[in-house]
Amino acid sequence: MIERIWSGKSSLYLLLLPLSWLYGLVSGAIRLSWKLGLRKAWRSPVPIVIVGNLTAGGNGKTPVVIWLVEQLQARGIRVGVVSRGYGGKAESYPLILTPQTTTAQAGDEPVLIYQRTGAPVAVAPERSAAVKALIEHAQPQLIITDDGLQHYALARDKEIVVVDGLRRFGNGWWLPAGPMRERVGRLKSVDAVITNGGEAQAGEIAMHLRPGDAVNLLSGERRPVQALQNVVAMAGIGHPPRFFATLKQCGITPVKTVSLADHQALAEAEVARLLNKDQTLLMTEKDAVKCRNFVEGHKNWWYLPVDAHLAQPQAEQLLRTLVALVK
């Protein structure tokens, strides 16, 4: 229902407009207070690059963060990542991730980024605290903030916004009547707009997600996803239909699809009951990091990693801009 309201296909958004106006008034006043210097943002001694979005829900932000980290690492730059750690609860903050850190402690996205890139990652509700801990722990030359576009307490050197190219901005209204955290005009002040899927507009960098081979959670075996049989597809991401559409593009028609809430915690029994003995479970990589602690004995659990691919030469120009921040 919320997707229909936010997309403009339902007029029920009209009932929520008073709350949206209040949201817009409060969020606008908060941003203005930082802009006018009434509140002082903390500036890191290390360059900060924000990767965020204007809308609620999954836009493909995490694959962009992973792509940026890998590209900058390939250019010899020590990159660190900080995150709010949504969905996790640590005993104390800031939390520096280790191979033993669980998604229950740090959240699924930070763990995924850490496992994919090997970059140092720190999480804390107060992002400046995470940045300070990361600087002390790893001496990065550049720090990427996963989300936090609206976290104005942290000064930033560059802002990158990721846009869902198919859904764009829905009906254009602030939450809760629409999907917007900030209005579309905010794009005029950011340094780059990356459009995931759909058709990129003028000045935007086109991006698409390219799936790799399916990976077995237990053995690490890689296999063409088309080789999997009797697939039950599970997705606990911001926009599960994107994962199911990717499977369709790969020629996979699942016997069942299961949509979960973004950042939803998973239990072994809950996941195991989704499929019969002769069926194969195929999940997103973001779900896989939540299942690693109880994968023992489940030989038919697989995940499908995806990689971001950005259009050239705009992508290279963006990377040059970020490399130039490192002095």
C-alpha atoms as a PDB file:
ATOM      1  CA  MET A   1       0.000   0.000   0.000  1.00  0.00           C
ATOM      2  CA  ILE A   2       2.776   2.452   0.924  1.00  0.00           C
ATOM      3  CA  GLU A   3       4.397   1.903  -2.476  1.00  0.00           C
ATOM      4  CA  ARG A   4       1.133   2.838  -4.216  1.00  0.00           C
ATOM      5  CA  ILE A   5       0.781   5.959  -2.087  1.00  0.00           C
ATOM      6  CA  TRP A   6       4.367   7.087  -2.621  1.00  0.00           C
ATOM      7  CA  SER A   7       4.291   6.323  -6.343  1.00  0.00           C
ATOM      8  CA  GLY A   8       1.277   8.584  -6.853  1.00  0.00           C
ATOM      9  CA  LYS A   9      -1.012   5.711  -7.873  1.00  0.00           C
ATOM     10  CA  SER A  10      -3.198   6.254  -4.818  1.00  0.00           C
ATOM     11  CA  SER A  11      -4.766   9.517  -3.710  1.00  0.00           C
ATOM     12  CA  LEU A  12      -4.559   8.426  -0.061  1.00  0.00           C
ATOM     13  CA  TYR A  13      -1.409  10.533   0.194  1.00  0.00           C
ATOM     14  CA  LEU A  14      -3.712  13.550   0.548  1.00  0.00           C
ATOM     15  CA  LEU A  15      -4.671  12.352   4.034  1.00  0.00           C
ATOM     16  CA  LEU A  16      -1.020  12.422   5.061  1.00  0.00           C
ATOM     17  CA  LEU A  17      -0.130  15.819   3.652  1.00  0.00           C
ATOM     18  CA  PRO A  18      -0.448  17.715   6.972  1.00  0.00           C
ATOM     19  CA  LEU A  19       2.181  15.406   8.471  1.00  0.00           C
ATOM     20  CA  SER A  20       4.369  15.898   5.402  1.00  0.00           C
ATOM     21  CA  TRP A  21       4.166  19.665   5.704  1.00  0.00           C
ATOM     22  CA  LEU A  22       5.207  19.361   9.344  1.00  0.00           C
ATOM     23  CA  TYR A  23       8.098  17.069   8.364  1.00  0.00           C
ATOM     24  CA  GLY A  24       9.215  19.519   5.682  1.00  0.00           C
ATOM     25  CA  LEU A  25       8.974  22.486   8.063  1.00  0.00           C
ATOM     26  CA  VAL A  26      11.008  20.804  10.795  1.00  0.00           C
ATOM     27  CA  SER A  27      13.649  19.294   8.492  1.00  0.00           C
ATOM     28  CA  GLY A  28      13.991  22.580   6.602  1.00  0.00           C
ATOM     29  CA  ALA A  29      14.443  24.538   9.827  1.00  0.00           C
ATOM     30  CA  ILE A  30      17.098  22.094  11.007  1.00  0.00           C
ATOM     31  CA  ARG A  31      19.042  22.346   7.747  1.00  0.00           C
ATOM     32  CA  LEU A  32      18.772  26.149   7.783  1.00  0.00           C
ATOM     33  CA  SER A  33      20.157  26.307  11.320  1.00  0.00           C
ATOM     34  CA  TRP A  34      23.308  24.514  10.161  1.00  0.00           C
ATOM     35  CA  LYS A  35      23.553  26.604   7.009  1.00  0.00           C
ATOM     36  CA  LEU A  36      23.348  29.871   8.938  1.00  0.00           C
ATOM     37  CA  GLY A  37      25.915  28.716  11.440  1.00  0.00           C
ATOM     38  CA  LEU A  38      23.471  28.685  14.349  1.00  0.00           C
ATOM     39  CA  ARG A  39      24.660  25.146  14.964  1.00  0.00           C
ATOM     40  CA  LYS A  40      28.282  24.183  14.435  1.00  0.00           C
ATOM     41  CA  ALA A  41      29.152  21.166  12.304  1.00  0.00           C
ATOM     42  CA  TRP A  42      32.232  19.147  13.192  1.00  0.00           C
ATOM     43  CA  ARG A  43      34.873  19.028  10.441  1.00  0.00           C
ATOM     44  CA  SER A  44      37.142  16.033  10.157  1.00  0.00           C
ATOM     45  CA  PRO A  45      40.863  16.450   9.454  1.00  0.00           C
ATOM     46  CA  VAL A  46      40.376  13.691   6.859  1.00  0.00           C
ATOM     47  CA  PRO A  47      38.203  14.358   3.759  1.00  0.00           C
ATOM     48  CA  ILE A  48      34.613  13.156   4.142  1.00  0.00           C
ATOM     49  CA  VAL A  49      32.509  11.919   1.206  1.00  0.00           C
ATOM     50  CA  ILE A  50      28.803  11.383   1.846  1.00  0.00           C
ATOM     51  CA  VAL A  51      26.906   8.766  -0.151  1.00  0.00           C
ATOM     52  CA  GLY A  52      23.217   9.246   0.546  1.00  0.00           C
ATOM     53  CA  ASN A  53      19.785   9.637  -0.971  1.00  0.00           C
ATOM     54  CA  LEU A  54      16.760  11.897  -0.947  1.00  0.00           C
ATOM     55  CA  THR A  55      14.182   9.148  -0.566  1.00  0.00           C
ATOM     56  CA  ALA A  56      13.349   6.420   1.917  1.00  0.00           C
ATOM     57  CA  GLY A  57      13.816   2.844   0.774  1.00  0.00           C
ATOM     58  CA  GLY A  58      16.540   1.051  -1.141  1.00  0.00           C
ATOM     59  CA  ASN A  59      18.235   2.969  -3.945  1.00  0.00           C
ATOM     60  CA  GLY A  60      21.396   0.907  -4.437  1.00  0.00           C
ATOM     61  CA  LYS A  61      23.489   3.045  -2.110  1.00  0.00           C
ATOM     62  CA  THR A  62      25.528   0.208  -0.576  1.00  0.00           C
ATOM     63  CA  PRO A  63      26.777  -1.145  -3.942  1.00  0.00           C
ATOM     64  CA  VAL A  64      27.894   2.403  -4.763  1.00  0.00           C
ATOM     65  CA  VAL A  65      29.838   2.630  -1.493  1.00  0.00           C
ATOM     66  CA  ILE A  66      31.508  -0.713  -2.248  1.00  0.00           C
ATOM     67  CA  TRP A  67      32.352   0.417  -5.789  1.00  0.00           C
ATOM     68  CA  LEU A  68      33.877   3.668  -4.543  1.00  0.00           C
ATOM     69  CA  VAL A  69      35.956   1.909  -1.892  1.00  0.00           C
ATOM     70  CA  GLU A  70      37.279  -0.687  -4.345  1.00  0.00           C
ATOM     71  CA  GLN A  71      38.049   1.900  -7.009  1.00  0.00           C
ATOM     72  CA  LEU A  72      39.894   4.170  -4.575  1.00  0.00           C
ATOM     73  CA  GLN A  73      41.777   1.224  -3.066  1.00  0.00           C
ATOM     74  CA  ALA A  74      42.907   0.275  -6.580  1.00  0.00           C
ATOM     75  CA  ARG A  75      44.379   3.787  -6.871  1.00  0.00           C
ATOM     76  CA  GLY A  76      46.414   3.297  -3.712  1.00  0.00           C
ATOM     77  CA  ILE A  77      44.214   5.307  -1.336  1.00  0.00           C
ATOM     78  CA  ARG A  78      43.524   4.138   2.217  1.00  0.00           C
ATOM     79  CA  VAL A  79      39.750   4.379   2.506  1.00  0.00           C
ATOM     80  CA  GLY A  80      37.622   4.022   5.625  1.00  0.00           C
ATOM     81  CA  VAL A  81      33.835   3.779   5.936  1.00  0.00           C
ATOM     82  CA  VAL A  82      31.540   5.040   8.677  1.00  0.00           C
ATOM     83  CA  SER A  83      27.878   4.230   9.148  1.00  0.00           C
ATOM     84  CA  ARG A  84      25.006   4.803  11.528  1.00  0.00           C
ATOM     85  CA  GLY A  85      24.821   1.026  11.897  1.00  0.00           C
ATOM     86  CA  TYR A  86      21.058   0.895  11.475  1.00  0.00           C
ATOM     87  CA  GLY A  87      19.582  -2.426  12.606  1.00  0.00           C
ATOM     88  CA  GLY A  88      22.472  -3.199  14.948  1.00  0.00           C
ATOM     89  CA  LYS A  89      22.982  -2.578  18.647  1.00  0.00           C
ATOM     90  CA  ALA A  90      26.497  -2.658  20.074  1.00  0.00           C
ATOM     91  CA  GLU A  91      27.385  -2.738  23.762  1.00  0.00           C
ATOM     92  CA  SER A  92      29.278   0.516  23.268  1.00  0.00           C
ATOM     93  CA  TYR A  93      30.027   3.021  20.531  1.00  0.00           C
ATOM     94  CA  PRO A  94      31.926   3.759  18.430  1.00  0.00           C
ATOM     95  CA  LEU A  95      32.350   0.186  17.194  1.00  0.00           C
ATOM     96  CA  ILE A  96      35.252  -0.782  14.933  1.00  0.00           C
ATOM     97  CA  LEU A  97      34.305  -3.843  12.899  1.00  0.00           C
ATOM     98  CA  THR A  98      36.349  -7.049  13.078  1.00  0.00           C
ATOM     99  CA  PRO A  99      35.854 -10.440  11.376  1.00  0.00           C
ATOM    100  CA  GLN A 100      33.888 -11.491  14.465  1.00  0.00           C
ATOM    101  CA  THR A 101      31.469  -8.537  14.413  1.00  0.00           C
ATOM    102  CA  THR A 102      27.883  -9.641  13.831  1.00  0.00           C
ATOM    103  CA  THR A 103      25.045  -7.883  12.042  1.00  0.00           C
ATOM    104  CA  ALA A 104      23.201  -7.787  15.379  1.00  0.00           C
ATOM    105  CA  GLN A 105      25.998  -5.561  16.659  1.00  0.00           C
ATOM    106  CA  ALA A 106      26.803  -3.402  13.625  1.00  0.00           C
ATOM    107  CA  GLY A 107      23.880  -3.749  11.195  1.00  0.00           C
ATOM    108  CA  ASP A 108      23.877  -5.640   7.926  1.00  0.00           C
ATOM    109  CA  GLU A 109      25.209  -2.971   5.550  1.00  0.00           C
ATOM    110  CA  PRO A 110      28.413  -2.165   7.514  1.00  0.00           C
ATOM    111  CA  VAL A 111      29.210  -5.878   7.838  1.00  0.00           C
ATOM    112  CA  LEU A 112      28.609  -6.402   4.124  1.00  0.00           C
ATOM    113  CA  ILE A 113      30.877  -3.475   3.206  1.00  0.00           C
ATOM    114  CA  TYR A 114      33.585  -4.715   5.583  1.00  0.00           C
ATOM    115  CA  GLN A 115      33.481  -8.275   4.241  1.00  0.00           C
ATOM    116  CA  ARG A 116      33.428  -7.237   0.586  1.00  0.00           C
ATOM    117  CA  THR A 117      36.156  -4.588   0.672  1.00  0.00           C
ATOM    118  CA  GLY A 118      38.335  -5.292   3.703  1.00  0.00           C
ATOM    119  CA  ALA A 119      38.301  -1.563   4.400  1.00  0.00           C
ATOM    120  CA  PRO A 120      38.181  -0.409   8.026  1.00  0.00           C
ATOM    121  CA  VAL A 121      34.586   0.307   9.057  1.00  0.00           C
ATOM    122  CA  ALA A 122      33.279   2.086  12.157  1.00  0.00           C
ATOM    123  CA  VAL A 123      29.684   2.561  13.282  1.00  0.00           C
ATOM    124  CA  ALA A 124      28.124   4.962  15.781  1.00  0.00           C
ATOM    125  CA  PRO A 125      24.844   6.890  16.045  1.00  0.00           C
ATOM    126  CA  GLU A 126      26.972  10.035  16.193  1.00  0.00           C
ATOM    127  CA  ARG A 127      28.944   9.804  12.976  1.00  0.00           C
ATOM    128  CA  SER A 128      31.656  12.202  14.135  1.00  0.00           C
ATOM    129  CA  ALA A 129      32.486   9.718  16.895  1.00  0.00           C
ATOM    130  CA  ALA A 130      32.828   6.956  14.288  1.00  0.00           C
ATOM    131  CA  VAL A 131      35.079   9.176  12.171  1.00  0.00           C
ATOM    132  CA  LYS A 132      37.354   9.992  15.133  1.00  0.00           C
ATOM    133  CA  ALA A 133      37.634   6.307  16.061  1.00  0.00           C
ATOM    134  CA  LEU A 134      38.411   5.349  12.480  1.00  0.00           C
ATOM    135  CA  ILE A 135      41.144   7.979  12.195  1.00  0.00           C
ATOM    136  CA  GLU A 136      42.742   6.767  15.404  1.00  0.00           C
ATOM    137  CA  HIS A 137      42.413   3.089  14.469  1.00  0.00           C
ATOM    138  CA  ALA A 138      43.335   3.033  10.780  1.00  0.00           C
ATOM    139  CA  GLN A 139      44.696   6.443   9.682  1.00  0.00           C
ATOM    140  CA  PRO A 140      42.603   6.550   6.484  1.00  0.00           C
ATOM    141  CA  GLN A 141      43.320   9.138   3.810  1.00  0.00           C
ATOM    142  CA  LEU A 142      39.630   9.486   2.919  1.00  0.00           C
ATOM    143  CA  ILE A 143      36.419   8.453   4.653  1.00  0.00           C
ATOM    144  CA  ILE A 144      33.158   7.501   2.970  1.00  0.00           C
ATOM    145  CA  THR A 145      29.967   7.877   4.968  1.00  0.00           C
ATOM    146  CA  ASP A 146      27.328   5.286   4.107  1.00  0.00           C
ATOM    147  CA  ASP A 147      24.169   7.409   4.261  1.00  0.00           C
ATOM    148  CA  GLY A 148      24.087  10.596   6.309  1.00  0.00           C
ATOM    149  CA  LEU A 149      23.186  13.162   3.653  1.00  0.00           C
ATOM    150  CA  GLN A 150      20.789  14.725   6.165  1.00  0.00           C
ATOM    151  CA  HIS A 151      23.248  14.370   9.089  1.00  0.00           C
ATOM    152  CA  TYR A 152      24.419  17.990   8.977  1.00  0.00           C
ATOM    153  CA  ALA A 153      26.321  17.724  12.264  1.00  0.00           C
ATOM    154  CA  LEU A 154      29.147  16.233  10.196  1.00  0.00           C
ATOM    155  CA  ALA A 155      30.766  18.593   7.697  1.00  0.00           C
ATOM    156  CA  ARG A 156      31.493  17.035   4.317  1.00  0.00           C
ATOM    157  CA  ASP A 157      33.837  17.674   1.423  1.00  0.00           C
ATOM    158  CA  LYS A 158      31.728  15.977  -1.261  1.00  0.00           C
ATOM    159  CA  GLU A 159      28.128  14.774  -1.487  1.00  0.00           C
ATOM    160  CA  ILE A 160      26.963  11.965  -3.756  1.00  0.00           C
ATOM    161  CA  VAL A 161      23.274  11.119  -4.108  1.00  0.00           C
ATOM    162  CA  VAL A 162      22.031   7.764  -5.399  1.00  0.00           C
ATOM    163  CA  VAL A 163      18.669   7.807  -7.194  1.00  0.00           C
ATOM    164  CA  ASP A 164      16.456   4.853  -8.064  1.00  0.00           C
ATOM    165  CA  GLY A 165      16.142   5.369 -11.815  1.00  0.00           C
ATOM    166  CA  LEU A 166      12.845   3.502 -12.080  1.00  0.00           C
ATOM    167  CA  ARG A 167      10.965   4.918  -9.099  1.00  0.00           C
ATOM    168  CA  ARG A 168      12.743   8.301  -9.129  1.00  0.00           C
ATOM    169  CA  PHE A 169      10.988  10.506  -6.536  1.00  0.00           C
ATOM    170  CA  GLY A 170       7.471   9.068  -6.557  1.00  0.00           C
ATOM    171  CA  ASN A 171       4.832  11.709  -5.897  1.00  0.00           C
ATOM    172  CA  GLY A 172       7.537  14.147  -4.752  1.00  0.00           C
ATOM    173  CA  TRP A 173       6.164  14.743  -1.271  1.00  0.00           C
ATOM    174  CA  TRP A 174       8.006  14.612   2.034  1.00  0.00           C
ATOM    175  CA  LEU A 175       7.513  11.659   4.368  1.00  0.00           C
ATOM    176  CA  PRO A 176       5.032  10.208   5.186  1.00  0.00           C
ATOM    177  CA  ALA A 177       2.801  11.260   2.253  1.00  0.00           C
ATOM    178  CA  GLY A 178       5.684  10.620  -0.130  1.00  0.00           C
ATOM    179  CA  PRO A 179       9.154   9.064  -0.095  1.00  0.00           C
ATOM    180  CA  MET A 180      11.155  12.306   0.160  1.00  0.00           C
ATOM    181  CA  ARG A 181      13.543  13.113   3.002  1.00  0.00           C
ATOM    182  CA  GLU A 182      14.409  16.319   1.158  1.00  0.00           C
ATOM    183  CA  ARG A 183      12.874  17.847  -1.950  1.00  0.00           C
ATOM    184  CA  VAL A 184      14.318  17.327  -5.432  1.00  0.00           C
ATOM    185  CA  GLY A 185      15.843  20.808  -5.458  1.00  0.00           C
ATOM    186  CA  ARG A 186      18.496  19.506  -3.040  1.00  0.00           C
ATOM    187  CA  LEU A 187      20.184  17.827  -6.029  1.00  0.00           C
ATOM    188  CA  LYS A 188      21.354  21.236  -7.237  1.00  0.00           C
ATOM    189  CA  SER A 189      23.761  21.477  -4.303  1.00  0.00           C
ATOM    190  CA  VAL A 190      25.334  17.998  -4.412  1.00  0.00           C
ATOM    191  CA  ASP A 191      28.511  17.065  -6.268  1.00  0.00           C
ATOM    192  CA  ALA A 192      27.266  13.994  -8.153  1.00  0.00           C
ATOM    193  CA  VAL A 193      24.018  12.137  -8.824  1.00  0.00           C
ATOM    194  CA  ILE A 194      24.249   8.422  -9.605  1.00  0.00           C
ATOM    195  CA  THR A 195      21.127   6.889 -11.156  1.00  0.00           C
ATOM    196  CA  ASN A 196      20.593   3.189 -10.497  1.00  0.00           C
ATOM    197  CA  GLY A 197      18.695   1.649 -13.412  1.00  0.00           C
ATOM    198  CA  GLY A 198      16.096   3.328 -15.555  1.00  0.00           C
ATOM    199  CA  GLU A 199      17.232   6.245 -17.675  1.00  0.00           C
ATOM    200  CA  ALA A 200      19.730   8.746 -16.293  1.00  0.00           C
ATOM    201  CA  GLN A 201      18.843  12.366 -16.875  1.00  0.00           C
ATOM    202  CA  ALA A 202      21.171  15.146 -17.983  1.00  0.00           C
ATOM    203  CA  GLY A 203      24.083  15.546 -15.583  1.00  0.00           C
ATOM    204  CA  GLU A 204      23.464  12.213 -13.855  1.00  0.00           C
ATOM    205  CA  ILE A 205      25.846   9.236 -13.911  1.00  0.00           C
ATOM    206  CA  ALA A 206      24.108   6.105 -15.178  1.00  0.00           C
ATOM    207  CA  MET A 207      24.602   2.952 -13.132  1.00  0.00           C
ATOM    208  CA  HIS A 208      23.370  -0.611 -13.293  1.00  0.00           C
ATOM    209  CA  LEU A 209      23.804  -3.576 -10.979  1.00  0.00           C
ATOM    210  CA  ARG A 210      25.398  -6.610 -12.589  1.00  0.00           C
ATOM    211  CA  PRO A 211      24.906  -9.981 -10.841  1.00  0.00           C
ATOM    212  CA  GLY A 212      27.797 -12.390 -10.506  1.00  0.00           C
ATOM    213  CA  ASP A 213      27.743 -16.137  -9.914  1.00  0.00           C
ATOM    214  CA  ALA A 214      25.644 -17.511  -7.079  1.00  0.00           C
ATOM    215  CA  VAL A 215      27.710 -18.309  -3.966  1.00  0.00           C
ATOM    216  CA  ASN A 216      26.989 -21.135  -1.534  1.00  0.00           C
ATOM    217  CA  LEU A 217      26.867 -19.818   2.036  1.00  0.00           C
ATOM    218  CA  LEU A 218      28.265 -23.018   3.531  1.00  0.00           C
ATOM    219  CA  SER A 219      30.993 -24.057   1.095  1.00  0.00           C
ATOM    220  CA  GLY A 220      31.768 -20.847  -0.798  1.00  0.00           C
ATOM    221  CA  GLU A 221      31.234 -22.709  -4.085  1.00  0.00           C
ATOM    222  CA  ARG A 222      30.404 -20.469  -7.030  1.00  0.00           C
ATOM    223  CA  ARG A 223      27.944 -21.535  -9.679  1.00  0.00           C
ATOM    224  CA  PRO A 224      26.091 -19.787 -12.529  1.00  0.00           C
ATOM    225  CA  VAL A 225      22.784 -18.720 -11.036  1.00  0.00           C
ATOM    226  CA  GLN A 226      20.966 -20.352 -13.955  1.00  0.00           C
ATOM    227  CA  ALA A 227      22.220 -23.731 -12.694  1.00  0.00           C
ATOM    228  CA  LEU A 228      20.158 -23.500  -9.507  1.00  0.00           C
ATOM    229  CA  GLN A 229      16.904 -25.460  -9.501  1.00  0.00           C
ATOM    230  CA  ASN A 230      13.613 -25.062  -7.597  1.00  0.00           C
ATOM    231  CA  VAL A 231      14.590 -21.634  -6.317  1.00  0.00           C
ATOM    232  CA  VAL A 232      12.910 -19.881  -3.411  1.00  0.00           C
ATOM    233  CA  ALA A 233      14.007 -16.234  -3.605  1.00  0.00           C
ATOM    234  CA  MET A 234      14.342 -14.182  -0.410  1.00  0.00           C
ATOM    235  CA  ALA A 235      15.069 -10.461  -0.209  1.00  0.00           C
ATOM    236  CA  GLY A 236      15.297  -8.285   2.895  1.00  0.00           C
ATOM    237  CA  ILE A 237      16.390  -5.042   1.242  1.00  0.00           C
ATOM    238  CA  GLY A 238      14.877  -1.603   0.809  1.00  0.00           C
ATOM    239  CA  HIS A 239      13.098  -2.590  -2.418  1.00  0.00           C
ATOM    240  CA  PRO A 240      12.803  -6.410  -2.750  1.00  0.00           C
ATOM    241  CA  PRO A 241      11.180  -6.296  -6.242  1.00  0.00           C
ATOM    242  CA  ARG A 242      14.558  -5.113  -7.602  1.00  0.00           C
ATOM    243  CA  PHE A 243      16.154  -8.427  -6.576  1.00  0.00           C
ATOM    244  CA  PHE A 244      13.325 -10.459  -8.068  1.00  0.00           C
ATOM    245  CA  ALA A 245      13.577  -8.454 -11.296  1.00  0.00           C
ATOM    246  CA  THR A 246      17.306  -9.210 -11.419  1.00  0.00           C
ATOM    247  CA  LEU A 247      16.557 -12.936 -11.151  1.00  0.00           C
ATOM    248  CA  LYS A 248      14.052 -12.636 -13.983  1.00  0.00           C
ATOM    249  CA  GLN A 249      16.693 -10.962 -16.137  1.00  0.00           C
ATOM    250  CA  CYS A 250      18.965 -13.925 -15.359  1.00  0.00           C
ATOM    251  CA  GLY A 251      16.285 -16.330 -16.584  1.00  0.00           C
ATOM    252  CA  ILE A 252      15.282 -17.478 -13.101  1.00  0.00           C
ATOM    253  CA  THR A 253      11.607 -17.955 -12.236  1.00  0.00           C
ATOM    254  CA  PRO A 254      11.415 -18.708  -8.501  1.00  0.00           C
ATOM    255  CA  VAL A 255       8.827 -21.143  -7.214  1.00  0.00           C
ATOM    256  CA  LYS A 256       8.251 -18.620  -4.436  1.00  0.00           C
ATOM    257  CA  THR A 257       9.398 -15.111  -3.565  1.00  0.00           C
ATOM    258  CA  VAL A 258       9.701 -13.845   0.001  1.00  0.00           C
ATOM    259  CA  SER A 259       9.919 -10.121   0.746  1.00  0.00           C
ATOM    260  CA  LEU A 260      11.268  -9.106   4.137  1.00  0.00           C
ATOM    261  CA  ALA A 261      11.607  -5.733   5.795  1.00  0.00           C
ATOM    262  CA  ASP A 262      14.853  -3.870   5.225  1.00  0.00           C
ATOM    263  CA  HIS A 263      17.402  -4.639   8.002  1.00  0.00           C
ATOM    264  CA  GLN A 264      15.059  -7.309   9.418  1.00  0.00           C
ATOM    265  CA  ALA A 265      16.825  -9.654  11.848  1.00  0.00           C
ATOM    266  CA  LEU A 266      16.773 -13.297  10.799  1.00  0.00           C
ATOM    267  CA  ALA A 267      16.630 -16.512  12.801  1.00  0.00           C
ATOM    268  CA  GLU A 268      17.652 -19.954  11.549  1.00  0.00           C
ATOM    269  CA  ALA A 269      14.245 -21.553  12.041  1.00  0.00           C
ATOM    270  CA  GLU A 270      12.523 -18.640  10.333  1.00  0.00           C
ATOM    271  CA  VAL A 271      14.725 -18.946   7.237  1.00  0.00           C
ATOM    272  CA  ALA A 272      14.735 -22.760   7.132  1.00  0.00           C
ATOM    273  CA  ARG A 273      10.963 -23.001   7.083  1.00  0.00           C
ATOM    274  CA  LEU A 274      10.770 -20.998   3.857  1.00  0.00           C
ATOM    275  CA  LEU A 275      11.655 -23.990   1.686  1.00  0.00           C
ATOM    276  CA  ASN A 276      11.076 -27.694   1.320  1.00  0.00           C
ATOM    277  CA  LYS A 277      13.848 -30.264   1.329  1.00  0.00           C
ATOM    278  CA  ASP A 278      14.297 -30.346  -2.461  1.00  0.00           C
ATOM    279  CA  GLN A 279      14.237 -26.557  -2.882  1.00  0.00           C
ATOM    280  CA  THR A 280      17.115 -24.085  -3.102  1.00  0.00           C
ATOM    281  CA  LEU A 281      17.154 -20.834  -1.157  1.00  0.00           C
ATOM    282  CA  LEU A 282      18.602 -17.857  -3.035  1.00  0.00           C
ATOM    283  CA  MET A 283      19.008 -14.593  -1.152  1.00  0.00           C
ATOM    284  CA  THR A 284      20.691 -11.227  -1.495  1.00  0.00           C
ATOM    285  CA  GLU A 285      24.231 -10.757  -0.215  1.00  0.00           C
ATOM    286  CA  LYS A 286      22.842  -8.362   2.367  1.00  0.00           C
ATOM    287  CA  ASP A 287      20.684 -11.192   3.739  1.00  0.00           C
ATOM    288  CA  ALA A 288      23.588 -13.628   3.559  1.00  0.00           C
ATOM    289  CA  VAL A 289      25.688 -11.699   6.082  1.00  0.00           C
ATOM    290  CA  LYS A 290      22.834 -12.114   8.569  1.00  0.00           C
ATOM    291  CA  CYS A 291      22.708 -15.888   8.032  1.00  0.00           C
ATOM    292  CA  ARG A 292      26.403 -16.772   8.304  1.00  0.00           C
ATOM    293  CA  ASN A 293      26.225 -17.557  12.022  1.00  0.00           C
ATOM    294  CA  PHE A 294      23.686 -20.339  11.518  1.00  0.00           C
ATOM    295  CA  VAL A 295      24.401 -21.648   8.029  1.00  0.00           C
ATOM    296  CA  GLU A 296      25.908 -24.943   9.277  1.00  0.00           C
ATOM    297  CA  GLY A 297      23.959 -27.901   7.883  1.00  0.00           C
ATOM    298  CA  HIS A 298      22.203 -25.891   5.166  1.00  0.00           C
ATOM    299  CA  LYS A 299      23.895 -26.970   1.939  1.00  0.00           C
ATOM    300  CA  ASN A 300      21.222 -25.466  -0.318  1.00  0.00           C
ATOM    301  CA  TRP A 301      21.453 -21.822   0.816  1.00  0.00           C
ATOM    302  CA  TRP A 302      22.950 -19.499  -1.792  1.00  0.00           C
ATOM    303  CA  TYR A 303      23.276 -15.765  -2.324  1.00  0.00           C
ATOM    304  CA  LEU A 304      23.647 -13.620  -5.430  1.00  0.00           C
ATOM    305  CA  PRO A 305      26.252 -10.831  -5.203  1.00  0.00           C
ATOM    306  CA  VAL A 306      25.827  -7.772  -7.410  1.00  0.00           C
ATOM    307  CA  ASP A 307      28.368  -5.179  -8.484  1.00  0.00           C
ATOM    308  CA  ALA A 308      27.765  -1.568  -9.464  1.00  0.00           C
ATOM    309  CA  HIS A 309      28.859  -0.551 -12.957  1.00  0.00           C
ATOM    310  CA  LEU A 310      28.949   3.179 -13.693  1.00  0.00           C
ATOM    311  CA  ALA A 311      28.990   4.872 -17.069  1.00  0.00           C
ATOM    312  CA  GLN A 312      32.257   6.236 -18.390  1.00  0.00           C
ATOM    313  CA  PRO A 313      33.757   8.812 -18.650  1.00  0.00           C
ATOM    314  CA  GLN A 314      31.590  10.389 -15.907  1.00  0.00           C
ATOM    315  CA  ALA A 315      32.588   7.713 -13.403  1.00  0.00           C
ATOM    316  CA  GLU A 316      36.285   8.311 -13.984  1.00  0.00           C
ATOM    317  CA  GLN A 317      35.784  12.055 -13.635  1.00  0.00           C
ATOM    318  CA  LEU A 318      34.056  11.496 -10.273  1.00  0.00           C
ATOM    319  CA  LEU A 319      36.944   9.337  -9.079  1.00  0.00           C
ATOM    320  CA  ARG A 320      39.487  11.957 -10.103  1.00  0.00           C
ATOM    321  CA  THR A 321      37.565  14.511  -8.047  1.00  0.00           C
ATOM    322  CA  LEU A 322      37.724  12.263  -4.990  1.00  0.00           C
ATOM    323  CA  VAL A 323      41.382  11.379  -5.460  1.00  0.00           C
ATOM    324  CA  ALA A 324      42.153  15.110  -5.563  1.00  0.00           C
ATOM    325  CA  LEU A 325      40.830  15.429  -1.999  1.00  0.00           C
ATOM    326  CA  VAL A 326      43.741  13.372  -0.722  1.00  0.00           C
ATOM    327  CA  LYS A 327      46.704  15.651  -0.109  1.00  0.00           C
END
